[in-house]
Every structure is written in C-alpha cells, then in structure tokens.
Amino acid sequence: MGFILEDGKRAEFFFGSIFYVVALLFVTSFLSILNESLAVLLLMIFYALIPLGIVSWYLKLTSKSLSEVKNLENSIKFPKEMDDILDSEEIFKPIEE
C-alpha cells in the first residue's frame, strides 16, 4: 500500500517491519547465552510490547486516513439531478449533441 498509494508512512511501516523481523531473529539467536529472567524479559518485549505498539500506531494511522477520506467524500457536492441517476431512465437516454 505504501508504494501503490505513494504513502510514505505505510512504506516506513513496511521497512520497519522487515527491520523488526531481522532484529527479532537476531535477539532470539542470543537468548540461550543469557540468564533465564533476562531472556524472558526480552521475549516479552520483542513478542508482546513492541508488536502492540506497532499495531496501535498503525491502527491510529489507518483511522486518521479513513476520517480524511470521509471528510473528503462529505465535502464533494453533487448536483441534485445526479442523486439517483443509476436508478432512473436518464442513464439510457442518448447523448444529445
């Protein structure tokens, strides 16, 4: 979505996600040399706290984007004669030149 819609924030999210997965693999490879309590703490941070932070940020970004779209839709005014044009016979009339 970041590339298709040219949305910089979503592109940042994509690359941040890749970085996070690489960091996760790096941290979990060293857990065996750490003591048990530190390993559990790192697992909680990397498997619970960081993903929850990322999810909350992304949901906030998506909510903001949706509200901007709704505001844009509400600001567009269509002429009254176009309200139900797909339900009327107007759609089948030939175009007059």
Protein backbone atom coordinates (compact mmCIF):
# COMPACT_ATOMS: atom_id res chain seq x y z
CA MET A 1 0.00 0.00 0.00
CA GLY A 2 2.87 2.35 0.69
CA PHE A 3 4.22 2.02 -2.83
CA ILE A 4 0.90 1.74 -4.69
CA LEU A 5 -0.69 4.75 -2.97
CA GLU A 6 2.63 6.56 -2.62
CA ASP A 7 2.01 6.75 1.12
CA GLY A 8 5.31 7.40 2.89
CA LYS A 9 4.07 6.35 6.33
CA ARG A 10 2.97 2.93 5.12
CA ALA A 11 6.27 2.48 3.27
CA GLU A 12 8.08 3.30 6.53
CA PHE A 13 5.90 0.71 8.25
CA PHE A 14 6.86 -1.92 5.66
CA PHE A 15 10.60 -1.34 6.04
CA GLY A 16 10.25 -1.06 9.80
CA SER A 17 8.51 -4.43 9.84
CA ILE A 18 11.36 -6.00 7.90
CA PHE A 19 13.86 -4.47 10.32
CA TYR A 20 11.81 -5.75 13.27
CA VAL A 21 11.77 -9.33 11.94
CA VAL A 22 15.54 -9.24 11.41
CA ALA A 23 16.06 -7.83 14.92
CA LEU A 24 13.74 -10.50 16.31
CA LEU A 25 15.80 -13.24 14.69
CA PHE A 26 19.00 -11.64 15.98
CA VAL A 27 17.75 -11.33 19.57
CA THR A 28 16.27 -14.83 19.74
CA SER A 29 19.53 -16.35 18.49
CA PHE A 30 21.33 -14.97 21.57
CA LEU A 31 18.72 -15.95 24.17
CA SER A 32 20.48 -19.21 25.02
CA ILE A 33 23.58 -17.38 26.36
CA LEU A 34 21.54 -15.07 28.63
CA ASN A 35 20.18 -15.95 32.04
CA GLU A 36 16.56 -17.10 32.16
CA SER A 37 14.98 -13.98 33.66
CA LEU A 38 16.65 -11.66 31.12
CA ALA A 39 15.64 -13.98 28.29
CA VAL A 40 12.01 -13.94 29.44
CA LEU A 41 12.09 -10.14 29.69
CA LEU A 42 13.48 -9.80 26.17
CA LEU A 43 10.89 -12.24 24.84
CA MET A 44 8.09 -10.22 26.46
CA ILE A 45 9.44 -7.01 24.98
CA PHE A 46 10.00 -8.37 21.47
CA TYR A 47 6.93 -10.63 21.25
CA ALA A 48 4.36 -8.52 23.12
CA LEU A 49 5.22 -4.89 23.85
CA ILE A 50 6.80 -3.87 20.53
CA PRO A 51 4.09 -5.55 18.38
CA LEU A 52 1.35 -3.93 20.48
CA GLY A 53 2.98 -0.54 19.98
CA ILE A 54 3.27 -1.11 16.25
CA VAL A 55 -0.35 -2.24 15.99
CA SER A 56 -1.66 0.75 17.93
CA TRP A 57 0.37 3.17 15.75
CA TYR A 58 -0.84 1.52 12.53
CA LEU A 59 -4.49 1.50 13.67
CA LYS A 60 -4.21 5.19 14.55
CA LEU A 61 -2.73 5.92 11.10
CA THR A 62 -5.47 3.94 9.35
CA SER A 63 -8.21 5.60 11.40
CA LYS A 64 -6.82 9.02 10.51
CA SER A 65 -6.69 8.08 6.82
CA LEU A 66 -10.28 6.85 6.88
CA SER A 67 -11.53 10.00 8.57
CA GLU A 68 -9.74 12.11 5.94
CA VAL A 69 -11.45 10.11 3.19
CA LYS A 70 -14.85 10.56 4.85
CA ASN A 71 -14.25 14.29 5.18
CA LEU A 72 -13.31 14.45 1.51
CA GLU A 73 -16.41 12.49 0.50
CA ASN A 74 -18.62 14.78 2.58
CA SER A 75 -17.07 17.90 1.04
CA ILE A 76 -17.92 16.83 -2.52
CA LYS A 77 -21.34 18.13 -3.54
CA PHE A 78 -23.13 16.53 -6.45
CA PRO A 79 -25.90 18.25 -8.36
CA LYS A 80 -29.38 17.26 -7.21
CA GLU A 81 -30.26 15.71 -10.57
CA MET A 82 -27.43 13.17 -10.11
CA ASP A 83 -28.64 11.77 -6.77
CA ASP A 84 -30.43 8.73 -8.17
CA ILE A 85 -29.22 8.70 -11.75
CA LEU A 86 -28.41 4.99 -11.75
CA ASP A 87 -31.97 4.21 -10.65
CA SER A 88 -33.65 6.32 -13.29
CA GLU A 89 -34.25 6.18 -17.02
CA GLU A 90 -31.81 9.09 -17.51
CA ILE A 91 -28.95 6.69 -17.86
CA PHE A 92 -30.45 5.16 -21.02
CA LYS A 93 -31.15 8.42 -22.83
CA PRO A 94 -28.94 9.11 -25.86
CA ILE A 95 -26.44 11.88 -25.56
CA GLU A 96 -27.62 14.99 -27.33
CA GLU A 97 -25.03 16.89 -29.30
